[in-house]
Amino acid sequence: MDMVMPDMYGATATRLIRSQSPNTQVLALTSFKEEILVQSTLQAGAIGYLLKDVSADELAQAIRAAHAGCSTLSPEAAQALVHVTSQPAGPGIDLTERELEVLALMVEG
């Protein structure tokens, strides 16, 4: 699953897939490492989050892990989660998923 697609954002698509097919595992493969995207994607039900610079062997291993129900996170995604959880809750904590996606895109310019 990519995070930014023409018709739907990855977190939204992940949430839909997981709601309609709970046994389907979704693995994010993207170039975006922003904390809000990592967090929203995993909250939507993705089992893993990898950046597109991952090697073919690492990707294959992550797909096998997802199939087995195990998560795989890129070091950058893990760092983003650690940073998010170590920060006090601030403004915007009550934003919807879509509002958070728009905010992340605004930050990116």
C-alpha atoms as a PDB file:
ATOM      1  CA  MET A   1       0.000   0.000   0.000  1.00  0.00           C
ATOM      2  CA  ASP A   2       1.334   3.416  -0.872  1.00  0.00           C
ATOM      3  CA  MET A   3       0.384   6.411   1.267  1.00  0.00           C
ATOM      4  CA  VAL A   4      -0.444   9.053  -1.344  1.00  0.00           C
ATOM      5  CA  MET A   5      -2.471   7.803  -4.301  1.00  0.00           C
ATOM      6  CA  PRO A   6      -4.628   9.693  -6.812  1.00  0.00           C
ATOM      7  CA  ASP A   7      -8.081   8.623  -5.596  1.00  0.00           C
ATOM      8  CA  MET A   8      -7.557   7.679  -1.963  1.00  0.00           C
ATOM      9  CA  TYR A   9      -4.926   7.967   0.744  1.00  0.00           C
ATOM     10  CA  GLY A  10      -3.207   4.803   1.894  1.00  0.00           C
ATOM     11  CA  ALA A  11      -4.485   4.970   5.467  1.00  0.00           C
ATOM     12  CA  THR A  12      -8.061   5.300   4.201  1.00  0.00           C
ATOM     13  CA  ALA A  13      -7.621   2.428   1.742  1.00  0.00           C
ATOM     14  CA  THR A  14      -6.025   0.316   4.477  1.00  0.00           C
ATOM     15  CA  ARG A  15      -8.936   0.970   6.817  1.00  0.00           C
ATOM     16  CA  LEU A  16     -11.430  -0.003   4.090  1.00  0.00           C
ATOM     17  CA  ILE A  17      -9.549  -3.167   3.180  1.00  0.00           C
ATOM     18  CA  ARG A  18      -9.259  -4.243   6.805  1.00  0.00           C
ATOM     19  CA  SER A  19     -12.935  -3.511   7.521  1.00  0.00           C
ATOM     20  CA  GLN A  20     -14.132  -5.493   4.490  1.00  0.00           C
ATOM     21  CA  SER A  21     -11.556  -8.266   4.758  1.00  0.00           C
ATOM     22  CA  PRO A  22     -10.158  -8.492   8.318  1.00  0.00           C
ATOM     23  CA  ASN A  23      -7.900 -11.434   7.451  1.00  0.00           C
ATOM     24  CA  THR A  24      -6.099  -9.482   4.728  1.00  0.00           C
ATOM     25  CA  GLN A  25      -2.768  -8.063   5.873  1.00  0.00           C
ATOM     26  CA  VAL A  26      -1.709  -4.671   4.532  1.00  0.00           C
ATOM     27  CA  LEU A  27       1.947  -3.731   4.296  1.00  0.00           C
ATOM     28  CA  ALA A  28       2.778  -0.076   3.606  1.00  0.00           C
ATOM     29  CA  LEU A  29       5.561   0.475   1.074  1.00  0.00           C
ATOM     30  CA  THR A  30       6.107   4.174   0.602  1.00  0.00           C
ATOM     31  CA  SER A  31       8.612   6.995   0.388  1.00  0.00           C
ATOM     32  CA  PHE A  32       6.886   8.951   3.174  1.00  0.00           C
ATOM     33  CA  LYS A  33       8.349   8.684   6.667  1.00  0.00           C
ATOM     34  CA  GLU A  34       6.426  11.485   8.395  1.00  0.00           C
ATOM     35  CA  GLU A  35       5.278  10.559  11.868  1.00  0.00           C
ATOM     36  CA  ILE A  36       1.627  11.315  11.205  1.00  0.00           C
ATOM     37  CA  LEU A  37       1.524   9.041   8.153  1.00  0.00           C
ATOM     38  CA  VAL A  38       3.271   6.187   9.957  1.00  0.00           C
ATOM     39  CA  GLN A  39       0.931   6.508  12.913  1.00  0.00           C
ATOM     40  CA  SER A  40      -2.295   6.872  10.903  1.00  0.00           C
ATOM     41  CA  THR A  41      -1.407   3.948   8.642  1.00  0.00           C
ATOM     42  CA  LEU A  42      -0.687   1.609  11.523  1.00  0.00           C
ATOM     43  CA  GLN A  43      -3.819   2.779  13.350  1.00  0.00           C
ATOM     44  CA  ALA A  44      -5.771   2.014  10.168  1.00  0.00           C
ATOM     45  CA  GLY A  45      -4.640  -1.596  10.449  1.00  0.00           C
ATOM     46  CA  ALA A  46      -1.447  -1.967   8.425  1.00  0.00           C
ATOM     47  CA  ILE A  47       0.783  -4.705   9.771  1.00  0.00           C
ATOM     48  CA  GLY A  48       3.996  -3.057   8.628  1.00  0.00           C
ATOM     49  CA  TYR A  49       5.544   0.108   7.257  1.00  0.00           C
ATOM     50  CA  LEU A  50       8.558   0.082   4.953  1.00  0.00           C
ATOM     51  CA  LEU A  51      10.255   2.745   2.901  1.00  0.00           C
ATOM     52  CA  LYS A  52      10.767   2.215  -0.826  1.00  0.00           C
ATOM     53  CA  ASP A  53      14.547   2.044  -0.434  1.00  0.00           C
ATOM     54  CA  VAL A  54      14.166  -1.407   1.134  1.00  0.00           C
ATOM     55  CA  SER A  55      16.009  -4.224  -0.632  1.00  0.00           C
ATOM     56  CA  ALA A  56      14.147  -6.925  -2.537  1.00  0.00           C
ATOM     57  CA  ASP A  57      15.163  -9.492   0.091  1.00  0.00           C
ATOM     58  CA  GLU A  58      13.912  -7.278   2.938  1.00  0.00           C
ATOM     59  CA  LEU A  59      10.626  -6.705   1.115  1.00  0.00           C
ATOM     60  CA  ALA A  60      10.164 -10.422   0.511  1.00  0.00           C
ATOM     61  CA  GLN A  61      10.888 -11.104   4.178  1.00  0.00           C
ATOM     62  CA  ALA A  62       8.353  -8.435   5.244  1.00  0.00           C
ATOM     63  CA  ILE A  63       5.695  -9.946   2.951  1.00  0.00           C
ATOM     64  CA  ARG A  64       6.320 -13.378   4.459  1.00  0.00           C
ATOM     65  CA  ALA A  65       6.173 -11.892   7.947  1.00  0.00           C
ATOM     66  CA  ALA A  66       2.877 -10.131   7.142  1.00  0.00           C
ATOM     67  CA  HIS A  67       1.461 -13.394   5.834  1.00  0.00           C
ATOM     68  CA  ALA A  68       2.418 -14.994   9.160  1.00  0.00           C
ATOM     69  CA  GLY A  69       0.780 -12.134  11.090  1.00  0.00           C
ATOM     70  CA  CYS A  70       4.042 -10.496  12.166  1.00  0.00           C
ATOM     71  CA  SER A  71       4.806  -6.827  11.726  1.00  0.00           C
ATOM     72  CA  THR A  72       7.829  -5.250  10.096  1.00  0.00           C
ATOM     73  CA  LEU A  73       8.816  -1.611  10.491  1.00  0.00           C
ATOM     74  CA  SER A  74      11.574   0.302   8.776  1.00  0.00           C
ATOM     75  CA  PRO A  75      13.991   1.902  11.254  1.00  0.00           C
ATOM     76  CA  GLU A  76      12.604   5.314  10.257  1.00  0.00           C
ATOM     77  CA  ALA A  77       9.022   4.212  10.954  1.00  0.00           C
ATOM     78  CA  ALA A  78      10.041   2.769  14.313  1.00  0.00           C
ATOM     79  CA  GLN A  79      11.820   6.019  15.161  1.00  0.00           C
ATOM     80  CA  ALA A  80       8.739   8.016  14.162  1.00  0.00           C
ATOM     81  CA  LEU A  81       6.590   5.921  16.496  1.00  0.00           C
ATOM     82  CA  VAL A  82       9.050   6.278  19.351  1.00  0.00           C
ATOM     83  CA  HIS A  83       9.159  10.035  18.831  1.00  0.00           C
ATOM     84  CA  VAL A  84       5.360  10.333  18.685  1.00  0.00           C
ATOM     85  CA  THR A  85       4.817   8.282  21.822  1.00  0.00           C
ATOM     86  CA  SER A  86       7.466  10.170  23.765  1.00  0.00           C
ATOM     87  CA  GLN A  87       5.900  13.570  23.058  1.00  0.00           C
ATOM     88  CA  PRO A  88       3.094  15.047  25.138  1.00  0.00           C
ATOM     89  CA  ALA A  89      -0.273  15.205  23.414  1.00  0.00           C
ATOM     90  CA  GLY A  90      -0.628  18.578  21.783  1.00  0.00           C
ATOM     91  CA  PRO A  91      -3.004  20.505  19.609  1.00  0.00           C
ATOM     92  CA  GLY A  92      -4.568  18.491  16.826  1.00  0.00           C
ATOM     93  CA  ILE A  93      -4.929  15.301  18.827  1.00  0.00           C
ATOM     94  CA  ASP A  94      -8.662  15.425  18.110  1.00  0.00           C
ATOM     95  CA  LEU A  95      -8.348  15.805  14.326  1.00  0.00           C
ATOM     96  CA  THR A  96      -9.969  13.237  12.056  1.00  0.00           C
ATOM     97  CA  GLU A  97      -7.828  10.909   9.951  1.00  0.00           C
ATOM     98  CA  ARG A  98      -8.559  12.967   6.841  1.00  0.00           C
ATOM     99  CA  GLU A  99      -7.724  16.227   8.614  1.00  0.00           C
ATOM    100  CA  LEU A 100      -4.415  14.718   9.719  1.00  0.00           C
ATOM    101  CA  GLU A 101      -3.654  13.612   6.140  1.00  0.00           C
ATOM    102  CA  VAL A 102      -4.394  17.114   4.809  1.00  0.00           C
ATOM    103  CA  LEU A 103      -2.239  18.643   7.537  1.00  0.00           C
ATOM    104  CA  ALA A 104       0.654  16.303   6.653  1.00  0.00           C
ATOM    105  CA  LEU A 105       0.379  17.264   2.992  1.00  0.00           C
ATOM    106  CA  MET A 106       0.303  20.955   3.891  1.00  0.00           C
ATOM    107  CA  VAL A 107       3.494  20.521   5.893  1.00  0.00           C
ATOM    108  CA  GLU A 108       5.120  18.846   2.886  1.00  0.00           C
ATOM    109  CA  GLY A 109       4.129  21.829   0.734  1.00  0.00           C
END
